[in-house]
Amino acid sequence: MLKCGMNGGQVKVFGKAVQALSRISDELWLDPSEKGLALRSVNACRSAYGCVLFSPLFFQHYQWSTSAEMNDNDTISNLNCKLGIKSILPIFRCLSSLERNVENCKIFTRSDKSKVIFQFFCRHGIKRTHNVCFQESQPLQVIFEKNMCSNMLMIQPRVLAEAVVLFTSNQEEVTLAVTPQNVCIKSSNEESMDLTNSVYSEMFVGPDEFDFFQIGVDTEITFCLKELKGMLTFSEAIRAPISIHFDIPGKPMALSIDDMLLEAHFILATLADEPSRGSSPQSLCLSQKRKRSDLVRANSKASEKGSKATECISEKAAPKRLYPNETLMDISTLENCGSPTMRRVNSDITEVPESSVSDTEQVPGSPYLGKVKERC
């Protein structure tokens, strides 16, 4: 059972969290507990996870109780609501209007009808009620200990927004390169190989622009831009700095916001690049031209096409891994929607009960979550 209330300003922050999580997945979990109300989301590839936890002090009033049902371990189970993001997102579409007109908002559940009810009490006595059906589903957790990362940055959202605005709307992935002297955010080298995308952007930020700057390992990591924009929009709404924890390519990165009334955590996969890959866009374009010339010569030899294709497949059937000596359990290779020539590998995001995860959602023992790129 869940009952909570908010004013207009709190509705805007709650709606910003829903919008940020909508960039990750089409599904949203409501997970109420004694710690507060958690909103969780994970994408279909299990390469991105997001969680926003609202403290009970965030709401005007907050009531929560466990359901009467017993799970397989004969313990009382929590209320687990999985909502379609397309059902709840239109409710919080016009947040500026909600902030001005809503005097009070109530959110409560009716387990007998499997519905979450959103009631808005607006000015001039107007009352709006939205009934959203939910499915019973276990809440999602992430197993990742961000404090073990070698690199940690804390930056104000305004500064990071100036870097993100450089990228075009069709930019899907960006690269973060760090040294003890500066931080560079630039277009992904993989996308610069596409001749239809002729813009290559980069921005350098000095250590003085960060609230906290700790670089233990010089590295370059590539990750999706869409989830970063979602976290950036949310942090700008609450005016809180973003903490970035990351390590070497192939290991996950964490975007975090820690506030007195809420916490937000986004865990994103990074691309595990091959060591021999060129780093400059000029070398990438040159290698692409060579590939095209090889393709023309191959097409002119129709009799040898079948044997060459068979040889190419046999040589590149197994993807190269950053850690060939490690044994990973339950790893599934997933295609990256942003780039057809990439594959994501994830072993960190799992569905586990709420009781098996620590309060900070950082449980040691995770290998790593990554993306492995294959050449066509």
Protein backbone atom coordinates (compact mmCIF):
# COMPACT_ATOMS: atom_id res chain seq x y z
CA MET A 1 0.00 0.00 0.00
CA LEU A 2 1.28 3.46 -0.90
CA LYS A 3 -0.07 6.91 -0.07
CA CYS A 4 1.89 10.11 -0.53
CA GLY A 5 1.24 13.78 -1.22
CA MET A 6 3.15 16.61 -2.91
CA ASN A 7 2.77 20.31 -3.68
CA GLY A 8 3.29 21.93 -7.08
CA GLY A 9 7.05 22.35 -6.75
CA GLN A 10 7.51 18.77 -5.62
CA VAL A 11 5.37 17.55 -8.53
CA LYS A 12 7.80 19.24 -10.94
CA VAL A 13 10.82 17.45 -9.44
CA PHE A 14 8.93 14.13 -9.42
CA GLY A 15 8.00 14.64 -13.06
CA LYS A 16 11.60 15.45 -14.01
CA ALA A 17 12.65 12.12 -12.50
CA VAL A 18 10.02 10.31 -14.58
CA GLN A 19 11.23 12.07 -17.73
CA ALA A 20 14.87 11.22 -16.99
CA LEU A 21 14.09 7.54 -16.46
CA SER A 22 12.01 7.47 -19.65
CA ARG A 23 15.27 7.91 -21.60
CA ILE A 24 16.39 4.50 -20.34
CA SER A 25 13.41 2.20 -20.84
CA ASP A 26 9.72 1.93 -21.68
CA GLU A 27 9.00 0.46 -18.25
CA LEU A 28 9.04 2.09 -14.82
CA TRP A 29 8.97 0.42 -11.41
CA LEU A 30 7.43 2.01 -8.31
CA ASP A 31 9.16 0.54 -5.27
CA PRO A 32 7.90 1.97 -1.95
CA SER A 33 9.71 1.08 1.26
CA GLU A 34 10.58 2.54 4.64
CA LYS A 35 13.46 4.41 2.96
CA GLY A 36 11.07 6.23 0.64
CA LEU A 37 9.63 5.86 -2.85
CA ALA A 38 12.08 4.55 -5.46
CA LEU A 39 11.57 4.88 -9.21
CA ARG A 40 13.59 2.35 -11.19
CA SER A 41 14.18 1.63 -14.85
CA VAL A 42 16.43 -0.65 -16.91
CA ASN A 43 16.68 -0.95 -20.68
CA ALA A 44 16.05 -4.10 -22.67
CA CYS A 45 19.78 -4.66 -23.33
CA ARG A 46 20.54 -4.41 -19.59
CA SER A 47 23.24 -1.88 -20.45
CA ALA A 48 21.67 1.08 -18.61
CA TYR A 49 19.98 1.29 -15.22
CA GLY A 50 18.46 4.23 -13.40
CA CYS A 51 17.05 4.75 -9.92
CA VAL A 52 15.70 7.84 -8.17
CA LEU A 53 14.92 7.43 -4.46
CA PHE A 54 12.70 10.06 -2.84
CA SER A 55 13.05 10.26 0.93
CA PRO A 56 9.86 10.31 3.05
CA LEU A 57 10.83 13.88 3.98
CA PHE A 58 10.49 14.87 0.32
CA PHE A 59 6.71 14.40 0.43
CA GLN A 60 4.13 16.38 2.39
CA HIS A 61 3.00 13.03 3.81
CA TYR A 62 4.18 9.49 3.10
CA GLN A 63 2.56 6.22 4.15
CA TRP A 64 3.73 2.78 3.15
CA SER A 65 2.99 -0.75 4.24
CA THR A 66 3.82 -4.22 2.94
CA SER A 67 1.27 -6.27 1.07
CA ALA A 68 -0.53 -9.13 2.76
CA GLU A 69 0.81 -11.71 0.31
CA MET A 70 3.67 -14.04 1.19
CA ASN A 71 6.47 -14.85 -1.18
CA ASP A 72 8.32 -18.15 -1.63
CA ASN A 73 10.46 -17.54 1.46
CA ASP A 74 7.37 -17.05 3.68
CA THR A 75 8.16 -13.39 4.20
CA ILE A 76 5.93 -10.41 3.58
CA SER A 77 6.59 -8.99 0.13
CA ASN A 78 6.69 -5.34 -0.83
CA LEU A 79 4.35 -3.68 -3.27
CA ASN A 80 5.95 -4.13 -6.69
CA CYS A 81 4.41 -1.99 -9.44
CA LYS A 82 5.64 -2.07 -13.03
CA LEU A 83 4.13 0.69 -15.15
CA GLY A 84 4.32 1.43 -18.84
CA ILE A 85 6.25 4.65 -19.33
CA LYS A 86 3.86 5.65 -22.12
CA SER A 87 1.02 5.57 -19.61
CA ILE A 88 2.64 7.72 -16.94
CA LEU A 89 4.75 10.10 -19.05
CA PRO A 90 1.81 12.14 -20.46
CA ILE A 91 0.69 12.89 -16.88
CA PHE A 92 3.93 14.81 -16.24
CA ARG A 93 4.44 16.27 -19.70
CA CYS A 94 3.73 19.97 -18.96
CA LEU A 95 5.64 20.39 -15.71
CA SER A 96 5.70 24.18 -15.74
CA SER A 97 1.91 24.23 -15.94
CA LEU A 98 1.62 21.67 -13.14
CA GLU A 99 3.91 23.73 -10.94
CA ARG A 100 1.77 26.84 -11.39
CA ASN A 101 -1.70 25.28 -11.17
CA VAL A 102 -1.39 22.25 -8.88
CA GLU A 103 -1.95 22.97 -5.20
CA ASN A 104 -1.78 19.37 -4.05
CA CYS A 105 -1.09 15.98 -5.61
CA LYS A 106 -1.87 12.57 -4.15
CA ILE A 107 -0.46 9.24 -5.28
CA PHE A 108 -1.93 6.02 -3.90
CA THR A 109 -2.39 2.43 -4.96
CA ARG A 110 -5.34 0.08 -5.09
CA SER A 111 -3.93 -3.42 -5.01
CA ASP A 112 -7.33 -5.04 -5.46
CA LYS A 113 -7.65 -3.40 -8.89
CA SER A 114 -3.91 -3.26 -9.70
CA LYS A 115 -4.00 0.49 -10.23
CA VAL A 116 -1.89 3.48 -9.27
CA ILE A 117 -4.00 6.63 -8.94
CA PHE A 118 -2.64 10.14 -9.46
CA GLN A 119 -4.92 12.93 -8.24
CA PHE A 120 -4.18 16.59 -8.91
CA PHE A 121 -6.06 19.26 -6.96
CA CYS A 122 -5.65 22.43 -9.01
CA ARG A 123 -6.68 26.04 -8.69
CA HIS A 124 -10.33 27.07 -9.06
CA GLY A 125 -11.47 23.75 -7.59
CA ILE A 126 -10.38 21.64 -10.58
CA LYS A 127 -9.61 18.00 -9.78
CA ARG A 128 -7.83 15.67 -12.19
CA THR A 129 -7.61 11.92 -11.65
CA HIS A 130 -5.45 9.47 -13.62
CA ASN A 131 -5.77 5.70 -13.16
CA VAL A 132 -2.73 3.75 -14.36
CA CYS A 133 -2.75 -0.04 -14.37
CA PHE A 134 0.34 -1.83 -13.11
CA GLN A 135 1.73 -5.34 -13.16
CA GLU A 136 3.15 -7.23 -10.22
CA SER A 137 6.89 -7.50 -10.77
CA GLN A 138 9.98 -7.74 -8.61
CA PRO A 139 11.86 -4.44 -8.20
CA LEU A 140 15.14 -4.08 -10.02
CA GLN A 141 18.49 -3.52 -8.37
CA VAL A 142 22.03 -2.98 -9.62
CA ILE A 143 25.18 -4.61 -8.27
CA PHE A 144 27.98 -2.09 -8.65
CA GLU A 145 30.44 -0.62 -6.16
CA LYS A 146 31.20 2.82 -7.56
CA ASN A 147 33.60 3.75 -4.75
CA MET A 148 36.11 1.24 -6.14
CA CYS A 149 36.51 3.25 -9.36
CA SER A 150 39.87 4.93 -9.92
CA ASN A 151 38.43 8.17 -11.32
CA MET A 152 35.85 10.44 -9.75
CA LEU A 153 34.54 13.81 -10.95
CA MET A 154 31.95 16.17 -9.50
CA ILE A 155 30.67 18.95 -11.71
CA GLN A 156 27.83 21.45 -11.76
CA PRO A 157 25.12 20.67 -14.34
CA ARG A 158 25.50 24.10 -15.96
CA VAL A 159 29.11 23.39 -16.95
CA LEU A 160 28.30 19.93 -18.25
CA ALA A 161 25.34 21.30 -20.22
CA GLU A 162 27.67 23.65 -22.10
CA ALA A 163 29.67 20.64 -23.26
CA VAL A 164 26.67 18.52 -24.23
CA VAL A 165 25.09 21.30 -26.29
CA LEU A 166 27.99 21.03 -28.76
CA PHE A 167 26.81 17.68 -30.06
CA THR A 168 24.28 17.32 -32.84
CA SER A 169 20.84 15.80 -32.30
CA ASN A 170 21.81 12.59 -34.08
CA GLN A 171 24.85 12.05 -31.86
CA GLU A 172 24.27 8.79 -30.00
CA GLU A 173 27.55 8.18 -28.21
CA VAL A 174 30.28 10.39 -26.76
CA THR A 175 33.80 9.78 -25.48
CA LEU A 176 35.12 11.05 -22.16
CA ALA A 177 38.92 11.31 -22.06
CA VAL A 178 40.63 12.26 -18.79
CA THR A 179 44.17 13.10 -17.67
CA PRO A 180 45.39 14.81 -14.49
CA GLN A 181 45.62 18.05 -16.50
CA ASN A 182 42.18 18.24 -18.16
CA VAL A 183 38.99 16.47 -19.23
CA CYS A 184 37.90 16.19 -22.85
CA ILE A 185 34.36 15.39 -24.00
CA LYS A 186 34.26 14.62 -27.70
CA SER A 187 32.35 12.87 -30.44
CA SER A 188 32.66 9.11 -30.52
CA ASN A 189 35.38 7.89 -32.90
CA GLU A 190 33.11 5.11 -34.10
CA GLU A 191 30.48 7.59 -35.28
CA SER A 192 33.10 9.79 -36.98
CA MET A 193 33.63 6.97 -39.49
CA ASP A 194 30.19 7.69 -40.93
CA LEU A 195 30.55 10.08 -43.88
CA THR A 196 27.00 11.38 -43.31
CA ASN A 197 28.16 12.78 -39.96
CA SER A 198 30.84 15.31 -40.87
CA VAL A 199 30.87 17.15 -37.52
CA TYR A 200 33.50 16.18 -34.98
CA SER A 201 33.17 18.16 -31.74
CA GLU A 202 35.24 18.23 -28.58
CA MET A 203 35.43 20.38 -25.46
CA PHE A 204 38.22 20.61 -22.88
CA VAL A 205 37.45 21.36 -19.24
CA GLY A 206 40.14 22.24 -16.72
CA PRO A 207 40.33 20.81 -13.19
CA ASP A 208 39.29 24.17 -11.70
CA GLU A 209 35.80 23.82 -13.22
CA PHE A 210 35.07 20.72 -11.10
CA ASP A 211 33.89 20.64 -7.51
CA PHE A 212 35.93 17.45 -7.06
CA PHE A 213 38.65 16.16 -9.39
CA GLN A 214 40.39 12.82 -8.85
CA ILE A 215 42.07 11.00 -11.73
CA GLY A 216 43.83 7.78 -10.85
CA VAL A 217 44.07 6.32 -14.37
CA ASP A 218 44.34 8.15 -17.71
CA THR A 219 41.56 6.66 -19.80
CA GLU A 220 38.96 7.16 -22.51
CA ILE A 221 35.46 5.73 -22.14
CA THR A 222 32.62 5.79 -24.67
CA PHE A 223 28.98 5.67 -23.56
CA CYS A 224 25.48 6.63 -24.70
CA LEU A 225 24.60 10.30 -24.70
CA LYS A 226 20.85 9.87 -24.23
CA GLU A 227 21.06 8.68 -20.62
CA LEU A 228 23.56 11.42 -19.79
CA LYS A 229 21.12 14.05 -21.05
CA GLY A 230 18.39 12.57 -18.88
CA MET A 231 20.50 12.80 -15.74
CA LEU A 232 21.65 16.29 -16.71
CA THR A 233 18.08 17.54 -17.10
CA PHE A 234 17.14 16.15 -13.72
CA SER A 235 20.17 17.64 -11.94
CA GLU A 236 19.46 21.06 -13.44
CA ALA A 237 15.91 20.93 -12.07
CA ILE A 238 17.09 20.32 -8.50
CA ARG A 239 20.31 22.39 -8.86
CA ALA A 240 22.55 19.61 -7.59
CA PRO A 241 26.02 18.61 -8.84
CA ILE A 242 26.61 15.35 -10.69
CA SER A 243 29.21 12.84 -9.50
CA ILE A 244 30.83 10.66 -12.18
CA HIS A 245 32.61 7.45 -11.18
CA PHE A 246 34.42 5.45 -13.87
CA ASP A 247 37.42 3.30 -14.59
CA ILE A 248 38.96 1.77 -17.72
CA PRO A 249 36.96 1.09 -20.93
CA GLY A 250 34.66 -1.90 -20.63
CA LYS A 251 33.77 -1.28 -17.00
CA PRO A 252 30.57 0.57 -16.07
CA MET A 253 30.35 4.23 -15.17
CA ALA A 254 28.04 5.72 -12.55
CA LEU A 255 26.28 9.10 -12.60
CA SER A 256 25.04 10.04 -9.13
CA ILE A 257 23.20 12.82 -7.34
CA ASP A 258 23.17 12.91 -3.54
CA ASP A 259 20.78 15.34 -1.91
CA MET A 260 19.19 15.57 1.51
CA LEU A 261 15.73 14.68 0.14
CA LEU A 262 16.57 12.36 -2.76
CA GLU A 263 19.21 10.22 -4.43
CA ALA A 264 19.69 9.41 -8.10
CA HIS A 265 21.93 6.76 -9.65
CA PHE A 266 22.44 5.97 -13.34
CA ILE A 267 24.71 3.02 -14.21
CA LEU A 268 25.81 2.98 -17.86
CA ALA A 269 27.78 0.50 -19.93
CA THR A 270 30.98 1.64 -21.63
CA LEU A 271 32.54 0.42 -24.84
CA ALA A 272 35.48 -1.97 -24.59
CA ASP A 273 37.67 -0.82 -27.48
CA GLU A 274 40.32 -2.86 -29.23
CA PRO A 275 43.83 -1.58 -28.35
CA SER A 276 44.83 -1.31 -32.01
CA ARG A 277 41.95 1.00 -32.96
CA GLY A 278 43.02 4.43 -34.23
CA SER A 279 42.15 7.40 -32.09
CA SER A 280 42.06 10.25 -34.61
CA PRO A 281 39.19 10.86 -37.05
CA GLN A 282 41.69 11.26 -39.92
CA SER A 283 43.10 7.77 -39.44
CA LEU A 284 39.60 6.37 -39.15
CA CYS A 285 38.55 7.93 -42.46
CA LEU A 286 41.73 6.59 -44.10
CA SER A 287 41.06 3.08 -42.85
CA GLN A 288 37.50 3.33 -44.12
CA LYS A 289 38.73 4.28 -47.62
CA ARG A 290 41.03 1.26 -47.60
CA LYS A 291 38.14 -0.95 -46.66
CA ARG A 292 36.11 0.39 -49.58
CA SER A 293 38.97 -0.23 -52.05
CA ASP A 294 39.33 -3.77 -50.73
CA LEU A 295 35.60 -4.27 -51.18
CA VAL A 296 35.78 -3.14 -54.84
CA ARG A 297 38.61 -5.56 -55.55
CA ALA A 298 36.70 -8.33 -53.83
CA ASN A 299 33.59 -7.70 -55.94
CA SER A 300 35.63 -7.89 -59.15
CA LYS A 301 36.64 -11.43 -58.24
CA ALA A 302 33.26 -13.13 -58.13
CA SER A 303 34.72 -16.61 -58.26
CA GLU A 304 36.66 -16.07 -55.04
CA LYS A 305 33.91 -14.27 -53.16
CA GLY A 306 32.53 -17.33 -51.38
CA SER A 307 35.88 -18.58 -50.11
CA LYS A 308 36.94 -15.13 -48.91
CA ALA A 309 33.67 -14.59 -47.05
CA THR A 310 34.04 -17.96 -45.33
CA GLU A 311 37.61 -17.16 -44.32
CA CYS A 312 36.60 -13.74 -42.98
CA ILE A 313 33.82 -15.18 -40.86
CA SER A 314 36.02 -17.89 -39.39
CA GLU A 315 38.69 -15.37 -38.43
CA LYS A 316 36.28 -12.92 -36.76
CA ALA A 317 33.71 -15.22 -35.23
CA ALA A 318 34.97 -14.71 -31.69
CA PRO A 319 35.02 -11.08 -30.41
CA LYS A 320 38.15 -9.79 -28.78
CA ARG A 321 37.86 -9.19 -25.05
CA LEU A 322 39.66 -6.69 -22.89
CA TYR A 323 40.28 -9.35 -20.21
CA PRO A 324 40.87 -12.69 -22.03
CA ASN A 325 41.91 -14.49 -18.85
CA GLU A 326 38.75 -13.68 -16.91
CA THR A 327 35.82 -16.04 -16.74
CA LEU A 328 32.49 -14.21 -16.82
CA MET A 329 29.24 -15.83 -15.72
CA ASP A 330 25.85 -15.29 -17.32
CA ILE A 331 27.08 -12.91 -20.00
CA SER A 332 24.79 -12.23 -22.96
CA THR A 333 26.01 -10.36 -26.04
CA LEU A 334 23.47 -7.71 -26.98
CA GLU A 335 23.32 -5.52 -30.04
CA ASN A 336 23.75 -1.83 -29.51
CA CYS A 337 20.88 0.16 -31.02
CA GLY A 338 23.11 3.21 -31.54
CA SER A 339 25.73 1.51 -33.75
CA PRO A 340 25.23 -1.69 -35.79
CA THR A 341 28.93 -2.53 -35.50
CA MET A 342 28.91 -2.67 -31.71
CA ARG A 343 27.84 -5.28 -29.22
CA ARG A 344 27.19 -4.71 -25.53
CA VAL A 345 28.15 -7.20 -22.85
CA ASN A 346 26.50 -6.95 -19.44
CA SER A 347 26.92 -8.98 -16.34
CA ASP A 348 26.14 -6.43 -13.63
CA ILE A 349 22.46 -5.58 -13.86
CA THR A 350 20.34 -8.32 -12.40
CA GLU A 351 16.88 -8.68 -10.95
CA VAL A 352 17.22 -9.42 -7.24
CA PRO A 353 14.93 -9.00 -4.27
CA GLU A 354 15.01 -5.76 -2.33
CA SER A 355 16.26 -7.50 0.80
CA SER A 356 19.50 -8.68 -0.81
CA VAL A 357 20.81 -5.23 -1.67
CA SER A 358 22.49 -2.73 0.63
CA ASP A 359 21.04 0.65 1.52
CA THR A 360 23.33 2.49 -0.87
CA GLU A 361 22.67 0.04 -3.70
CA GLN A 362 26.38 -0.67 -3.91
CA VAL A 363 27.08 -4.36 -3.34
CA PRO A 364 30.63 -5.60 -3.96
CA GLY A 365 31.38 -8.59 -6.05
CA SER A 366 30.28 -7.32 -9.42
CA PRO A 367 32.59 -8.16 -12.34
CA TYR A 368 31.80 -5.46 -14.79
CA LEU A 369 29.25 -4.29 -17.29
CA GLY A 370 30.56 -3.43 -20.73
CA LYS A 371 30.16 -3.21 -24.45
CA VAL A 372 32.31 -5.16 -26.87
CA LYS A 373 32.73 -3.87 -30.38
CA GLU A 374 33.01 -6.18 -33.39
CA ARG A 375 34.12 -5.18 -36.84
CA CYS A 376 31.80 -5.84 -39.79
